[in-house]
Amino acid sequence: MLLPTPISLPRDNARPHVSKATQEKLQELNWDTVPHPPYSPDIAPSDYHLFRPLKLFLKEKRFAKYEDLKMAVFDFFDSQSATFWKKGIDDLPE
């Protein structure tokens, strides 16, 4: 007989995750929640410098193929000046 695998859900304290109904359902299902870590190791601090400008660069663009999107991202990286990259490095926390 296979025993059910315990389920642990990450929780970020968003309203649906902390509502009474949600908490009761999680308890009824005997599911555990684990707090969301304050730092996500898959996103390095250096990445934050890129997100906003890349988002603005890609805004309202549509891509028919994955390769077109990939080329647009490469074009964004190629179009940035040395000052852009230096600022990103200089703004990193000590």
PDB file of N, CA and C in Angstrom:
ATOM      1  N   MET A   1       0.835  -1.184   0.000  1.00  0.00           N
ATOM      2  CA  MET A   1       0.000   0.000   0.000  1.00  0.00           C
ATOM      3  C   MET A   1       0.878   1.245   0.000  1.00  0.00           C
ATOM      4  N   LEU A   2       0.596   2.173  -0.879  1.00  0.00           N
ATOM      5  CA  LEU A   2       1.351   3.422  -0.947  1.00  0.00           C
ATOM      6  C   LEU A   2       0.744   4.429   0.016  1.00  0.00           C
ATOM      7  N   LEU A   3       1.596   5.062   0.778  1.00  0.00           N
ATOM      8  CA  LEU A   3       1.150   6.118   1.681  1.00  0.00           C
ATOM      9  C   LEU A   3       1.169   7.445   0.943  1.00  0.00           C
ATOM     10  N   PRO A   4       0.226   8.328   1.222  1.00  0.00           N
ATOM     11  CA  PRO A   4       0.236   9.627   0.550  1.00  0.00           C
ATOM     12  C   PRO A   4       1.482  10.425   0.931  1.00  0.00           C
ATOM     13  N   THR A   5       2.015  11.118  -0.051  1.00  0.00           N
ATOM     14  CA  THR A   5       3.184  11.959   0.180  1.00  0.00           C
ATOM     15  C   THR A   5       2.738  13.244   0.851  1.00  0.00           C
ATOM     16  N   PRO A   6       3.413  13.651   1.953  1.00  0.00           N
ATOM     17  CA  PRO A   6       3.030  14.917   2.582  1.00  0.00           C
ATOM     18  C   PRO A   6       3.258  16.073   1.608  1.00  0.00           C
ATOM     19  N   ILE A   7       2.415  17.052   1.683  1.00  0.00           N
ATOM     20  CA  ILE A   7       2.498  18.200   0.788  1.00  0.00           C
ATOM     21  C   ILE A   7       2.855  19.434   1.602  1.00  0.00           C
ATOM     22  N   SER A   8       3.863  20.156   1.140  1.00  0.00           N
ATOM     23  CA  SER A   8       4.257  21.419   1.764  1.00  0.00           C
ATOM     24  C   SER A   8       4.150  22.510   0.721  1.00  0.00           C
ATOM     25  N   LEU A   9       3.411  23.548   1.040  1.00  0.00           N
ATOM     26  CA  LEU A   9       3.206  24.664   0.124  1.00  0.00           C
ATOM     27  C   LEU A   9       3.994  25.875   0.579  1.00  0.00           C
ATOM     28  N   PRO A  10       4.700  26.540  -0.334  1.00  0.00           N
ATOM     29  CA  PRO A  10       5.335  27.798   0.061  1.00  0.00           C
ATOM     30  C   PRO A  10       4.258  28.850   0.294  1.00  0.00           C
ATOM     31  N   ARG A  11       4.473  29.708   1.257  1.00  0.00           N
ATOM     32  CA  ARG A  11       3.481  30.726   1.587  1.00  0.00           C
ATOM     33  C   ARG A  11       4.163  32.080   1.626  1.00  0.00           C
ATOM     34  N   ASP A  12       3.552  33.057   0.959  1.00  0.00           N
ATOM     35  CA  ASP A  12       4.154  34.385   0.909  1.00  0.00           C
ATOM     36  C   ASP A  12       3.311  35.442   1.613  1.00  0.00           C
ATOM     37  N   ASN A  13       2.354  35.014   2.418  1.00  0.00           N
ATOM     38  CA  ASN A  13       1.478  35.907   3.182  1.00  0.00           C
ATOM     39  C   ASN A  13       0.568  36.777   2.313  1.00  0.00           C
ATOM     40  N   ALA A  14       0.359  36.384   1.062  1.00  0.00           N
ATOM     41  CA  ALA A  14      -0.619  37.087   0.229  1.00  0.00           C
ATOM     42  C   ALA A  14      -2.002  36.842   0.828  1.00  0.00           C
ATOM     43  N   ARG A  15      -2.940  37.737   0.577  1.00  0.00           N
ATOM     44  CA  ARG A  15      -4.266  37.648   1.199  1.00  0.00           C
ATOM     45  C   ARG A  15      -4.916  36.268   1.068  1.00  0.00           C
ATOM     46  N   PRO A  16      -4.929  35.642  -0.122  1.00  0.00           N
ATOM     47  CA  PRO A  16      -5.576  34.332  -0.201  1.00  0.00           C
ATOM     48  C   PRO A  16      -4.912  33.277   0.678  1.00  0.00           C
ATOM     49  N   HIS A  17      -3.609  33.411   0.894  1.00  0.00           N
ATOM     50  CA  HIS A  17      -2.879  32.406   1.656  1.00  0.00           C
ATOM     51  C   HIS A  17      -3.099  32.519   3.157  1.00  0.00           C
ATOM     52  N   VAL A  18      -3.501  33.667   3.636  1.00  0.00           N
ATOM     53  CA  VAL A  18      -3.673  33.853   5.074  1.00  0.00           C
ATOM     54  C   VAL A  18      -5.152  33.979   5.462  1.00  0.00           C
ATOM     55  N   SER A  19      -6.052  33.879   4.486  1.00  0.00           N
ATOM     56  CA  SER A  19      -7.468  33.993   4.819  1.00  0.00           C
ATOM     57  C   SER A  19      -7.898  32.801   5.667  1.00  0.00           C
ATOM     58  N   LYS A  20      -8.912  33.018   6.465  1.00  0.00           N
ATOM     59  CA  LYS A  20      -9.398  31.978   7.376  1.00  0.00           C
ATOM     60  C   LYS A  20      -9.843  30.736   6.599  1.00  0.00           C
ATOM     61  N   ALA A  21     -10.579  30.943   5.498  1.00  0.00           N
ATOM     62  CA  ALA A  21     -11.071  29.805   4.713  1.00  0.00           C
ATOM     63  C   ALA A  21      -9.915  28.973   4.159  1.00  0.00           C
ATOM     64  N   THR A  22      -8.887  29.653   3.671  1.00  0.00           N
ATOM     65  CA  THR A  22      -7.729  28.940   3.136  1.00  0.00           C
ATOM     66  C   THR A  22      -7.012  28.186   4.235  1.00  0.00           C
ATOM     67  N   GLN A  23      -6.818  28.833   5.363  1.00  0.00           N
ATOM     68  CA  GLN A  23      -6.138  28.177   6.485  1.00  0.00           C
ATOM     69  C   GLN A  23      -6.917  26.947   6.943  1.00  0.00           C
ATOM     70  N   GLU A  24      -8.253  27.057   7.009  1.00  0.00           N
ATOM     71  CA  GLU A  24      -9.076  25.920   7.422  1.00  0.00           C
ATOM     72  C   GLU A  24      -8.971  24.770   6.426  1.00  0.00           C
ATOM     73  N   LYS A  25      -8.966  25.097   5.122  1.00  0.00           N
ATOM     74  CA  LYS A  25      -8.867  24.057   4.096  1.00  0.00           C
ATOM     75  C   LYS A  25      -7.515  23.356   4.168  1.00  0.00           C
ATOM     76  N   LEU A  26      -6.452  24.130   4.352  1.00  0.00           N
ATOM     77  CA  LEU A  26      -5.117  23.531   4.473  1.00  0.00           C
ATOM     78  C   LEU A  26      -5.054  22.605   5.681  1.00  0.00           C
ATOM     79  N   GLN A  27      -5.669  23.020   6.765  1.00  0.00           N
ATOM     80  CA  GLN A  27      -5.685  22.193   7.969  1.00  0.00           C
ATOM     81  C   GLN A  27      -6.519  20.924   7.736  1.00  0.00           C
ATOM     82  N   GLU A  28      -7.660  21.071   7.064  1.00  0.00           N
ATOM     83  CA  GLU A  28      -8.516  19.920   6.754  1.00  0.00           C
ATOM     84  C   GLU A  28      -7.774  18.895   5.901  1.00  0.00           C
ATOM     85  N   LEU A  29      -6.995  19.388   4.928  1.00  0.00           N
ATOM     86  CA  LEU A  29      -6.236  18.493   4.048  1.00  0.00           C
ATOM     87  C   LEU A  29      -4.942  18.000   4.680  1.00  0.00           C
ATOM     88  N   ASN A  30      -4.630  18.539   5.851  1.00  0.00           N
ATOM     89  CA  ASN A  30      -3.399  18.193   6.565  1.00  0.00           C
ATOM     90  C   ASN A  30      -2.155  18.561   5.743  1.00  0.00           C
ATOM     91  N   TRP A  31      -2.234  19.711   5.075  1.00  0.00           N
ATOM     92  CA  TRP A  31      -1.107  20.207   4.300  1.00  0.00           C
ATOM     93  C   TRP A  31      -0.341  21.217   5.142  1.00  0.00           C
ATOM     94  N   ASP A  32       0.965  21.164   5.060  1.00  0.00           N
ATOM     95  CA  ASP A  32       1.811  22.123   5.762  1.00  0.00           C
ATOM     96  C   ASP A  32       2.127  23.298   4.844  1.00  0.00           C
ATOM     97  N   THR A  33       2.399  24.431   5.448  1.00  0.00           N
ATOM     98  CA  THR A  33       2.893  25.570   4.678  1.00  0.00           C
ATOM     99  C   THR A  33       4.269  25.931   5.211  1.00  0.00           C
ATOM    100  N   VAL A  34       5.102  26.386   4.325  1.00  0.00           N
ATOM    101  CA  VAL A  34       6.427  26.837   4.717  1.00  0.00           C
ATOM    102  C   VAL A  34       6.546  28.293   4.312  1.00  0.00           C
ATOM    103  N   PRO A  35       7.135  29.128   5.162  1.00  0.00           N
ATOM    104  CA  PRO A  35       7.240  30.542   4.815  1.00  0.00           C
ATOM    105  C   PRO A  35       8.117  30.745   3.590  1.00  0.00           C
ATOM    106  N   HIS A  36       7.746  31.729   2.803  1.00  0.00           N
ATOM    107  CA  HIS A  36       8.521  32.093   1.620  1.00  0.00           C
ATOM    108  C   HIS A  36       9.822  32.718   2.078  1.00  0.00           C
ATOM    109  N   PRO A  37      10.952  32.266   1.532  1.00  0.00           N
ATOM    110  CA  PRO A  37      12.222  32.854   1.969  1.00  0.00           C
ATOM    111  C   PRO A  37      12.326  34.320   1.563  1.00  0.00           C
ATOM    112  N   PRO A  38      12.955  35.144   2.398  1.00  0.00           N
ATOM    113  CA  PRO A  38      13.087  36.561   2.059  1.00  0.00           C
ATOM    114  C   PRO A  38      14.000  36.794   0.863  1.00  0.00           C
ATOM    115  N   TYR A  39      14.847  35.834   0.567  1.00  0.00           N
ATOM    116  CA  TYR A  39      15.760  35.961  -0.567  1.00  0.00           C
ATOM    117  C   TYR A  39      15.628  34.712  -1.413  1.00  0.00           C
ATOM    118  N   SER A  40      15.402  34.881  -2.661  1.00  0.00           N
ATOM    119  CA  SER A  40      15.283  33.745  -3.559  1.00  0.00           C
ATOM    120  C   SER A  40      16.637  33.498  -4.213  1.00  0.00           C
ATOM    121  N   PRO A  41      17.253  32.342  -3.964  1.00  0.00           N
ATOM    122  CA  PRO A  41      18.597  32.092  -4.476  1.00  0.00           C
ATOM    123  C   PRO A  41      18.675  31.994  -5.994  1.00  0.00           C
ATOM    124  N   ASP A  42      17.532  31.814  -6.670  1.00  0.00           N
ATOM    125  CA  ASP A  42      17.591  31.729  -8.119  1.00  0.00           C
ATOM    126  C   ASP A  42      17.627  33.097  -8.792  1.00  0.00           C
ATOM    127  N   ILE A  43      17.491  34.171  -8.009  1.00  0.00           N
ATOM    128  CA  ILE A  43      17.581  35.518  -8.559  1.00  0.00           C
ATOM    129  C   ILE A  43      18.715  36.243  -7.842  1.00  0.00           C
ATOM    130  N   ALA A  44      19.771  36.481  -8.557  1.00  0.00           N
ATOM    131  CA  ALA A  44      20.910  37.181  -7.979  1.00  0.00           C
ATOM    132  C   ALA A  44      20.616  38.677  -7.914  1.00  0.00           C
ATOM    133  N   PRO A  45      21.188  39.392  -6.924  1.00  0.00           N
ATOM    134  CA  PRO A  45      20.959  40.843  -6.846  1.00  0.00           C
ATOM    135  C   PRO A  45      21.294  41.571  -8.147  1.00  0.00           C
ATOM    136  N   SER A  46      22.254  41.055  -8.886  1.00  0.00           N
ATOM    137  CA  SER A  46      22.627  41.708 -10.144  1.00  0.00           C
ATOM    138  C   SER A  46      21.507  41.632 -11.176  1.00  0.00           C
ATOM    139  N   ASP A  47      20.611  40.655 -11.072  1.00  0.00           N
ATOM    140  CA  ASP A  47      19.515  40.525 -12.022  1.00  0.00           C
ATOM    141  C   ASP A  47      18.512  41.668 -11.921  1.00  0.00           C
ATOM    142  N   TYR A  48      18.345  42.243 -10.733  1.00  0.00           N
ATOM    143  CA  TYR A  48      17.343  43.286 -10.544  1.00  0.00           C
ATOM    144  C   TYR A  48      17.624  44.505 -11.425  1.00  0.00           C
ATOM    145  N   HIS A  49      18.873  44.771 -11.693  1.00  0.00           N
ATOM    146  CA  HIS A  49      19.252  45.901 -12.539  1.00  0.00           C
ATOM    147  C   HIS A  49      18.729  45.711 -13.970  1.00  0.00           C
ATOM    148  N   LEU A  50      18.559  44.461 -14.379  1.00  0.00           N
ATOM    149  CA  LEU A  50      18.156  44.171 -15.750  1.00  0.00           C
ATOM    150  C   LEU A  50      16.652  44.150 -15.966  1.00  0.00           C
ATOM    151  N   PHE A  51      15.879  43.764 -14.941  1.00  0.00           N
ATOM    152  CA  PHE A  51      14.461  43.485 -15.140  1.00  0.00           C
ATOM    153  C   PHE A  51      13.660  44.661 -15.680  1.00  0.00           C
ATOM    154  N   ARG A  52      13.763  45.805 -15.048  1.00  0.00           N
ATOM    155  CA  ARG A  52      12.937  46.948 -15.482  1.00  0.00           C
ATOM    156  C   ARG A  52      13.283  47.413 -16.897  1.00  0.00           C
ATOM    157  N   PRO A  53      14.564  47.657 -17.206  1.00  0.00           N
ATOM    158  CA  PRO A  53      14.871  48.074 -18.584  1.00  0.00           C
ATOM    159  C   PRO A  53      14.497  47.015 -19.623  1.00  0.00           C
ATOM    160  N   LEU A  54      14.696  45.738 -19.295  1.00  0.00           N
ATOM    161  CA  LEU A  54      14.328  44.683 -20.243  1.00  0.00           C
ATOM    162  C   LEU A  54      12.816  44.648 -20.433  1.00  0.00           C
ATOM    163  N   LYS A  55      12.072  44.804 -19.349  1.00  0.00           N
ATOM    164  CA  LYS A  55      10.605  44.836 -19.433  1.00  0.00           C
ATOM    165  C   LYS A  55      10.152  45.994 -20.323  1.00  0.00           C
ATOM    166  N   LEU A  56      10.751  47.168 -20.141  1.00  0.00           N
ATOM    167  CA  LEU A  56      10.388  48.327 -20.968  1.00  0.00           C
ATOM    168  C   LEU A  56      10.755  48.094 -22.432  1.00  0.00           C
ATOM    169  N   PHE A  57      11.897  47.450 -22.655  1.00  0.00           N
ATOM    170  CA  PHE A  57      12.344  47.160 -24.020  1.00  0.00           C
ATOM    171  C   PHE A  57      11.373  46.208 -24.726  1.00  0.00           C
ATOM    172  N   LEU A  58      10.861  45.217 -23.997  1.00  0.00           N
ATOM    173  CA  LEU A  58       9.986  44.206 -24.592  1.00  0.00           C
ATOM    174  C   LEU A  58       8.506  44.608 -24.585  1.00  0.00           C
ATOM    175  N   LYS A  59       8.193  45.718 -23.919  1.00  0.00           N
ATOM    176  CA  LYS A  59       6.798  46.143 -23.766  1.00  0.00           C
ATOM    177  C   LYS A  59       6.104  46.269 -25.124  1.00  0.00           C
ATOM    178  N   GLU A  60       4.933  45.683 -25.195  1.00  0.00           N
ATOM    179  CA  GLU A  60       4.057  45.729 -26.363  1.00  0.00           C
ATOM    180  C   GLU A  60       4.637  45.067 -27.615  1.00  0.00           C
ATOM    181  N   LYS A  61       5.736  44.349 -27.470  1.00  0.00           N
ATOM    182  CA  LYS A  61       6.256  43.575 -28.593  1.00  0.00           C
ATOM    183  C   LYS A  61       5.579  42.209 -28.575  1.00  0.00           C
ATOM    184  N   ARG A  62       5.353  41.635 -29.721  1.00  0.00           N
ATOM    185  CA  ARG A  62       4.759  40.308 -29.844  1.00  0.00           C
ATOM    186  C   ARG A  62       5.707  39.436 -30.653  1.00  0.00           C
ATOM    187  N   PHE A  63       5.817  38.184 -30.266  1.00  0.00           N
ATOM    188  CA  PHE A  63       6.744  37.272 -30.921  1.00  0.00           C
ATOM    189  C   PHE A  63       6.001  36.026 -31.370  1.00  0.00           C
ATOM    190  N   ALA A  64       6.176  35.691 -32.626  1.00  0.00           N
ATOM    191  CA  ALA A  64       5.519  34.502 -33.177  1.00  0.00           C
ATOM    192  C   ALA A  64       6.292  33.242 -32.816  1.00  0.00           C
ATOM    193  N   LYS A  65       7.600  33.389 -32.666  1.00  0.00           N
ATOM    194  CA  LYS A  65       8.446  32.228 -32.379  1.00  0.00           C
ATOM    195  C   LYS A  65       9.369  32.543 -31.203  1.00  0.00           C
ATOM    196  N   TYR A  66       9.733  31.486 -30.503  1.00  0.00           N
ATOM    197  CA  TYR A  66      10.667  31.607 -29.385  1.00  0.00           C
ATOM    198  C   TYR A  66      11.982  32.235 -29.847  1.00  0.00           C
ATOM    199  N   GLU A  67      12.436  31.856 -31.015  1.00  0.00           N
ATOM    200  CA  GLU A  67      13.702  32.391 -31.534  1.00  0.00           C
ATOM    201  C   GLU A  67      13.645  33.907 -31.708  1.00  0.00           C
ATOM    202  N   ASP A  68      12.491  34.439 -32.077  1.00  0.00           N
ATOM    203  CA  ASP A  68      12.337  35.890 -32.228  1.00  0.00           C
ATOM    204  C   ASP A  68      12.482  36.590 -30.876  1.00  0.00           C
ATOM    205  N   LEU A  69      11.876  36.012 -29.849  1.00  0.00           N
ATOM    206  CA  LEU A  69      12.014  36.555 -28.492  1.00  0.00           C
ATOM    207  C   LEU A  69      13.473  36.501 -28.047  1.00  0.00           C
ATOM    208  N   LYS A  70      14.098  35.370 -28.281  1.00  0.00           N
ATOM    209  CA  LYS A  70      15.507  35.187 -27.899  1.00  0.00           C
ATOM    210  C   LYS A  70      16.389  36.243 -28.575  1.00  0.00           C
ATOM    211  N   MET A  71      16.147  36.486 -29.843  1.00  0.00           N
ATOM    212  CA  MET A  71      16.944  37.488 -30.571  1.00  0.00           C
ATOM    213  C   MET A  71      16.679  38.896 -30.031  1.00  0.00           C
ATOM    214  N   ALA A  72      15.442  39.185 -29.648  1.00  0.00           N
ATOM    215  CA  ALA A  72      15.115  40.501 -29.087  1.00  0.00           C
ATOM    216  C   ALA A  72      15.853  40.711 -27.771  1.00  0.00           C
ATOM    217  N   VAL A  73      15.924  39.676 -26.944  1.00  0.00           N
ATOM    218  CA  VAL A  73      16.655  39.790 -25.673  1.00  0.00           C
ATOM    219  C   VAL A  73      18.141  39.999 -25.950  1.00  0.00           C
ATOM    220  N   PHE A  74      18.692  39.253 -26.892  1.00  0.00           N
ATOM    221  CA  PHE A  74      20.100  39.455 -27.258  1.00  0.00           C
ATOM    222  C   PHE A  74      20.325  40.880 -27.777  1.00  0.00           C
ATOM    223  N   ASP A  75      19.388  41.381 -28.582  1.00  0.00           N
ATOM    224  CA  ASP A  75      19.491  42.753 -29.089  1.00  0.00           C
ATOM    225  C   ASP A  75      19.490  43.761 -27.942  1.00  0.00           C
ATOM    226  N   PHE A  76      18.642  43.516 -26.928  1.00  0.00           N
ATOM    227  CA  PHE A  76      18.609  44.394 -25.762  1.00  0.00           C
ATOM    228  C   PHE A  76      19.976  44.416 -25.082  1.00  0.00           C
ATOM    229  N   PHE A  77      20.541  43.237 -24.829  1.00  0.00           N
ATOM    230  CA  PHE A  77      21.848  43.170 -24.164  1.00  0.00           C
ATOM    231  C   PHE A  77      22.921  43.873 -24.992  1.00  0.00           C
ATOM    232  N   ASP A  78      22.897  43.637 -26.298  1.00  0.00           N
ATOM    233  CA  ASP A  78      23.906  44.243 -27.176  1.00  0.00           C
ATOM    234  C   ASP A  78      23.775  45.759 -27.255  1.00  0.00           C
ATOM    235  N   SER A  79      22.560  46.283 -27.055  1.00  0.00           N
ATOM    236  CA  SER A  79      22.338  47.720 -27.197  1.00  0.00           C
ATOM    237  C   SER A  79      22.709  48.524 -25.953  1.00  0.00           C
ATOM    238  N   GLN A  80      22.998  47.841 -24.853  1.00  0.00           N
ATOM    239  CA  GLN A  80      23.309  48.558 -23.615  1.00  0.00           C
ATOM    240  C   GLN A  80      24.757  49.051 -23.607  1.00  0.00           C
ATOM    241  N   SER A  81      24.928  50.247 -23.107  1.00  0.00           N
ATOM    242  CA  SER A  81      26.263  50.853 -23.058  1.00  0.00           C
ATOM    243  C   SER A  81      27.063  50.287 -21.894  1.00  0.00           C
ATOM    244  N   ALA A  82      28.345  50.531 -21.905  1.00  0.00           N
ATOM    245  CA  ALA A  82      29.210  50.112 -20.799  1.00  0.00           C
ATOM    246  C   ALA A  82      28.764  50.778 -19.496  1.00  0.00           C
ATOM    247  N   THR A  83      28.235  51.982 -19.591  1.00  0.00           N
ATOM    248  CA  THR A  83      27.752  52.703 -18.407  1.00  0.00           C
ATOM    249  C   THR A  83      26.598  51.946 -17.740  1.00  0.00           C
ATOM    250  N   PHE A  84      25.711  51.388 -18.544  1.00  0.00           N
ATOM    251  CA  PHE A  84      24.593  50.606 -18.014  1.00  0.00           C
ATOM    252  C   PHE A  84      25.102  49.439 -17.173  1.00  0.00           C
ATOM    253  N   TRP A  85      26.073  48.699 -17.722  1.00  0.00           N
ATOM    254  CA  TRP A  85      26.602  47.526 -17.007  1.00  0.00           C
ATOM    255  C   TRP A  85      27.392  47.958 -15.773  1.00  0.00           C
ATOM    256  N   LYS A  86      28.137  49.065 -15.882  1.00  0.00           N
ATOM    257  CA  LYS A  86      28.908  49.551 -14.736  1.00  0.00           C
ATOM    258  C   LYS A  86      27.979  49.974 -13.605  1.00  0.00           C
ATOM    259  N   LYS A  87      26.881  50.659 -13.944  1.00  0.00           N
ATOM    260  CA  LYS A  87      25.913  51.076 -12.927  1.00  0.00           C
ATOM    261  C   LYS A  87      25.339  49.865 -12.201  1.00  0.00           C
ATOM    262  N   GLY A  88      25.023  48.823 -12.967  1.00  0.00           N
ATOM    263  CA  GLY A  88      24.483  47.598 -12.364  1.00  0.00           C
ATOM    264  C   GLY A  88      25.450  46.991 -11.371  1.00  0.00           C
ATOM    265  N   ILE A  89      26.725  47.019 -11.690  1.00  0.00           N
ATOM    266  CA  ILE A  89      27.744  46.470 -10.778  1.00  0.00           C
ATOM    267  C   ILE A  89      27.936  47.399  -9.589  1.00  0.00           C
ATOM    268  N   ASP A  90      27.996  48.710  -9.850  1.00  0.00           N
ATOM    269  CA  ASP A  90      28.195  49.671  -8.762  1.00  0.00           C
ATOM    270  C   ASP A  90      27.039  49.687  -7.759  1.00  0.00           C
ATOM    271  N   ASP A  91      25.833  49.378  -8.233  1.00  0.00           N
ATOM    272  CA  ASP A  91      24.665  49.402  -7.350  1.00  0.00           C
ATOM    273  C   ASP A  91      24.504  48.142  -6.509  1.00  0.00           C
ATOM    274  N   LEU A  92      25.338  47.141  -6.730  1.00  0.00           N
ATOM    275  CA  LEU A  92      25.246  45.913  -5.927  1.00  0.00           C
ATOM    276  C   LEU A  92      25.541  46.223  -4.466  1.00  0.00           C
ATOM    277  N   PRO A  93      24.875  45.520  -3.555  1.00  0.00           N
ATOM    278  CA  PRO A  93      25.191  45.711  -2.143  1.00  0.00           C
ATOM    279  C   PRO A  93      26.613  45.247  -1.837  1.00  0.00           C
ATOM    280  N   GLU A  94      27.205  45.873  -0.861  1.00  0.00           N
ATOM    281  CA  GLU A  94      28.582  45.488  -0.471  1.00  0.00           C
ATOM    282  C   GLU A  94      28.613  44.060  -0.016  1.00  0.00           C
TER     283      GLU A  94
END
